[in-house]
C-alpha atoms as a PDB file:
ATOM      1  CA  MET A   1       0.000   0.000   0.000  1.00  0.00           C
ATOM      2  CA  PRO A   2       2.790   2.546   0.604  1.00  0.00           C
ATOM      3  CA  ASP A   3       3.760   2.539  -3.094  1.00  0.00           C
ATOM      4  CA  PHE A   4       0.137   3.169  -4.034  1.00  0.00           C
ATOM      5  CA  LEU A   5      -0.189   6.057  -1.596  1.00  0.00           C
ATOM      6  CA  GLU A   6       3.124   7.533  -2.725  1.00  0.00           C
ATOM      7  CA  ARG A   7       1.852   7.477  -6.317  1.00  0.00           C
ATOM      8  CA  VAL A   8      -1.376   9.166  -5.200  1.00  0.00           C
ATOM      9  CA  ASP A   9       0.635  11.859  -3.378  1.00  0.00           C
ATOM     10  CA  GLU A  10       2.788  12.430  -6.443  1.00  0.00           C
ATOM     11  CA  ALA A  11      -0.187  12.604  -8.807  1.00  0.00           C
ATOM     12  CA  THR A  12      -2.026  15.114  -6.600  1.00  0.00           C
ATOM     13  CA  SER A  13       0.918  17.276  -5.565  1.00  0.00           C
ATOM     14  CA  GLY A  14       0.412  19.957  -8.224  1.00  0.00           C
ATOM     15  CA  ASP A  15      -1.897  22.935  -8.255  1.00  0.00           C
ATOM     16  CA  ALA A  16      -4.405  21.260 -10.580  1.00  0.00           C
ATOM     17  CA  TRP A  17      -5.272  17.585 -10.869  1.00  0.00           C
ATOM     18  CA  ILE A  18      -8.196  15.247 -11.441  1.00  0.00           C
ATOM     19  CA  THR A  19      -8.585  11.758 -10.058  1.00  0.00           C
ATOM     20  CA  ASP A  20     -11.347   9.195 -10.066  1.00  0.00           C
ATOM     21  CA  GLY A  21     -12.256   6.310  -7.838  1.00  0.00           C
ATOM     22  CA  ASN A  22     -13.278   5.933  -4.250  1.00  0.00           C
ATOM     23  CA  TYR A  23     -10.519   3.946  -2.594  1.00  0.00           C
ATOM     24  CA  ALA A  24     -10.864   4.502   1.136  1.00  0.00           C
ATOM     25  CA  ALA A  25      -7.077   4.198   1.557  1.00  0.00           C
ATOM     26  CA  ALA A  26      -6.543   7.269  -0.636  1.00  0.00           C
ATOM     27  CA  ARG A  27      -9.531   9.290   0.564  1.00  0.00           C
ATOM     28  CA  ASP A  28      -7.624  11.576   2.938  1.00  0.00           C
ATOM     29  CA  ARG A  29      -5.036  12.299   0.274  1.00  0.00           C
ATOM     30  CA  THR A  30      -7.470  13.052  -2.523  1.00  0.00           C
ATOM     31  CA  TRP A  31     -10.644  14.328  -0.897  1.00  0.00           C
ATOM     32  CA  GLY A  32      -8.615  16.211   1.694  1.00  0.00           C
ATOM     33  CA  ARG A  33      -6.879  18.237  -1.038  1.00  0.00           C
ATOM     34  CA  ALA A  34      -9.812  18.576  -3.420  1.00  0.00           C
ATOM     35  CA  ASP A  35     -11.679  21.770  -4.245  1.00  0.00           C
ATOM     36  CA  LEU A  36     -14.547  19.816  -5.776  1.00  0.00           C
ATOM     37  CA  ILE A  37     -15.780  16.250  -5.372  1.00  0.00           C
ATOM     38  CA  VAL A  38     -18.106  15.025  -8.120  1.00  0.00           C
ATOM     39  CA  TRP A  39     -20.285  12.187  -6.864  1.00  0.00           C
ATOM     40  CA  LEU A  40     -21.904  10.152  -9.641  1.00  0.00           C
ATOM     41  CA  ASP A  41     -24.771   8.781  -7.571  1.00  0.00           C
ATOM     42  CA  TYR A  42     -26.598   6.763 -10.193  1.00  0.00           C
ATOM     43  CA  GLY A  43     -29.446   4.408  -9.363  1.00  0.00           C
ATOM     44  CA  LEU A  44     -28.824   0.714  -8.921  1.00  0.00           C
ATOM     45  CA  PRO A  45     -30.727  -0.337 -12.092  1.00  0.00           C
ATOM     46  CA  ARG A  46     -28.535   1.965 -14.221  1.00  0.00           C
ATOM     47  CA  ILE A  47     -25.362   0.676 -12.536  1.00  0.00           C
ATOM     48  CA  LEU A  48     -26.349  -2.958 -13.107  1.00  0.00           C
ATOM     49  CA  TRP A  49     -27.353  -2.274 -16.733  1.00  0.00           C
ATOM     50  CA  ARG A  50     -24.032  -0.567 -17.494  1.00  0.00           C
ATOM     51  CA  LEU A  51     -22.127  -3.359 -15.751  1.00  0.00           C
ATOM     52  CA  THR A  52     -23.980  -5.919 -17.842  1.00  0.00           C
ATOM     53  CA  GLU A  53     -23.307  -4.083 -21.118  1.00  0.00           C
ATOM     54  CA  ARG A  54     -19.619  -3.672 -20.314  1.00  0.00           C
ATOM     55  CA  THR A  55     -19.188  -7.239 -19.067  1.00  0.00           C
ATOM     56  CA  PHE A  56     -20.786  -8.867 -22.100  1.00  0.00           C
ATOM     57  CA  ARG A  57     -18.978  -6.565 -24.560  1.00  0.00           C
ATOM     58  CA  ARG A  58     -15.611  -7.338 -22.994  1.00  0.00           C
ATOM     59  CA  TRP A  59     -16.384 -11.048 -22.825  1.00  0.00           C
ATOM     60  CA  TRP A  60     -17.724 -11.264 -26.391  1.00  0.00           C
ATOM     61  CA  LYS A  61     -14.845  -9.274 -27.931  1.00  0.00           C
ATOM     62  CA  ARG A  62     -12.239 -10.902 -25.678  1.00  0.00           C
ATOM     63  CA  GLU A  63     -10.958  -7.424 -24.723  1.00  0.00           C
ATOM     64  CA  GLU A  64      -7.764  -7.394 -22.733  1.00  0.00           C
ATOM     65  CA  LEU A  65      -8.206  -5.561 -19.447  1.00  0.00           C
ATOM     66  CA  TRP A  66      -4.603  -5.488 -18.169  1.00  0.00           C
ATOM     67  CA  ASN A  67      -1.660  -7.875 -18.167  1.00  0.00           C
ATOM     68  CA  GLY A  68      -3.499 -10.278 -20.458  1.00  0.00           C
ATOM     69  CA  ASN A  69      -6.562 -10.547 -18.185  1.00  0.00           C
ATOM     70  CA  ARG A  70      -9.922 -10.982 -19.852  1.00  0.00           C
ATOM     71  CA  GLU A  71     -13.528 -11.036 -18.660  1.00  0.00           C
ATOM     72  CA  THR A  72     -15.079 -14.387 -17.894  1.00  0.00           C
ATOM     73  CA  LEU A  73     -18.753 -14.838 -17.218  1.00  0.00           C
ATOM     74  CA  ARG A  74     -17.916 -17.288 -14.458  1.00  0.00           C
ATOM     75  CA  ASN A  75     -16.080 -14.538 -12.563  1.00  0.00           C
ATOM     76  CA  HIS A  76     -19.093 -12.251 -12.801  1.00  0.00           C
ATOM     77  CA  PHE A  77     -21.824 -14.703 -11.944  1.00  0.00           C
ATOM     78  CA  LEU A  78     -20.241 -17.495  -9.910  1.00  0.00           C
ATOM     79  CA  SER A  79     -17.488 -15.765  -7.952  1.00  0.00           C
ATOM     80  CA  LYS A  80     -17.255 -14.106  -4.548  1.00  0.00           C
ATOM     81  CA  GLN A  81     -15.318 -11.334  -6.344  1.00  0.00           C
ATOM     82  CA  SER A  82     -18.249 -10.640  -8.699  1.00  0.00           C
ATOM     83  CA  LEU A  83     -18.788  -6.967  -9.488  1.00  0.00           C
ATOM     84  CA  TYR A  84     -22.532  -7.664  -9.442  1.00  0.00           C
ATOM     85  CA  LEU A  85     -22.288  -8.945  -5.896  1.00  0.00           C
ATOM     86  CA  TRP A  86     -20.110  -5.965  -4.932  1.00  0.00           C
ATOM     87  CA  ALA A  87     -22.606  -3.492  -6.453  1.00  0.00           C
ATOM     88  CA  LEU A  88     -25.525  -5.104  -4.647  1.00  0.00           C
ATOM     89  CA  GLN A  89     -23.654  -5.201  -1.343  1.00  0.00           C
ATOM     90  CA  THR A  90     -22.274  -1.643  -1.436  1.00  0.00           C
ATOM     91  CA  HIS A  91     -24.742   0.571  -3.306  1.00  0.00           C
ATOM     92  CA  TRP A  92     -27.046   1.463  -0.415  1.00  0.00           C
ATOM     93  CA  ARG A  93     -24.187   1.635   2.084  1.00  0.00           C
ATOM     94  CA  HIS A  94     -22.338   4.138  -0.107  1.00  0.00           C
ATOM     95  CA  ARG A  95     -25.463   6.265  -0.464  1.00  0.00           C
ATOM     96  CA  ARG A  96     -25.802   6.307   3.307  1.00  0.00           C
ATOM     97  CA  GLU A  97     -22.134   6.766   4.216  1.00  0.00           C
ATOM     98  CA  TYR A  98     -20.729   9.064   1.522  1.00  0.00           C
ATOM     99  CA  PRO A  99     -22.460  12.213   2.824  1.00  0.00           C
ATOM    100  CA  GLN A 100     -20.891  11.512   6.227  1.00  0.00           C
ATOM    101  CA  HIS A 101     -17.459  11.127   4.618  1.00  0.00           C
ATOM    102  CA  PHE A 102     -17.916  14.285   2.544  1.00  0.00           C
ATOM    103  CA  ALA A 103     -18.746  16.259   5.685  1.00  0.00           C
ATOM    104  CA  ARG A 104     -15.218  15.569   6.986  1.00  0.00           C
ATOM    105  CA  TYR A 105     -13.677  17.424   4.041  1.00  0.00           C
ATOM    106  CA  THR A 106     -15.020  20.923   4.501  1.00  0.00           C
ATOM    107  CA  GLY A 107     -12.635  22.439   1.951  1.00  0.00           C
ATOM    108  CA  ALA A 108     -14.293  20.617  -0.930  1.00  0.00           C
ATOM    109  CA  ARG A 109     -17.617  21.384  -2.534  1.00  0.00           C
ATOM    110  CA  VAL A 110     -19.609  18.234  -3.386  1.00  0.00           C
ATOM    111  CA  MET A 111     -21.468  18.018  -6.674  1.00  0.00           C
ATOM    112  CA  ARG A 112     -23.957  15.126  -6.482  1.00  0.00           C
ATOM    113  CA  LEU A 113     -25.143  14.057  -9.915  1.00  0.00           C
ATOM    114  CA  ARG A 114     -27.818  11.385 -10.133  1.00  0.00           C
ATOM    115  CA  SER A 115     -28.048  10.808 -13.887  1.00  0.00           C
ATOM    116  CA  PRO A 116     -25.947  10.982 -17.045  1.00  0.00           C
ATOM    117  CA  ARG A 117     -28.147  13.880 -18.176  1.00  0.00           C
ATOM    118  CA  GLN A 118     -27.238  15.877 -15.050  1.00  0.00           C
ATOM    119  CA  LEU A 119     -23.581  15.078 -15.673  1.00  0.00           C
ATOM    120  CA  GLU A 120     -23.783  16.219 -19.309  1.00  0.00           C
ATOM    121  CA  ARG A 121     -25.470  19.501 -18.320  1.00  0.00           C
ATOM    122  CA  TRP A 122     -22.897  20.177 -15.611  1.00  0.00           C
ATOM    123  CA  LEU A 123     -19.971  19.380 -17.912  1.00  0.00           C
ATOM    124  CA  ALA A 124     -21.416  21.690 -20.580  1.00  0.00           C
ATOM    125  CA  SER A 125     -21.627  24.477 -17.971  1.00  0.00           C
ATOM    126  CA  VAL A 126     -17.968  24.179 -16.947  1.00  0.00           C
ATOM    127  CA  ALA A 127     -16.434  23.447 -20.359  1.00  0.00           C
ATOM    128  CA  PRO A 128     -14.278  26.284 -21.771  1.00  0.00           C
END
């Protein structure tokens, strides 16, 4: 983990940076330095639909993910590491807990977007 956190520190050391993800181990380093946190708080049906589209596309086209790894349907439907299982187990907890986490980082404004349409409108409003 130290190498990961060192890379996070390096990537966010400048005056301007963007990062994505919600790794709890990096939260203090990223959210603590952020001016703005954009929370894509999409509904569970949309999340599961997008996961299904991405999973089947990657599986069908045999897309390489990293280091030669490829999607397998067995991993998604018959594994304890299934992203479907993870989404079902964490979605409601994240909705409940994220506002509490955000409250700890008073220097950052939180933009909560609940749909792709809201995201598109917001991006259009901040684009140069």
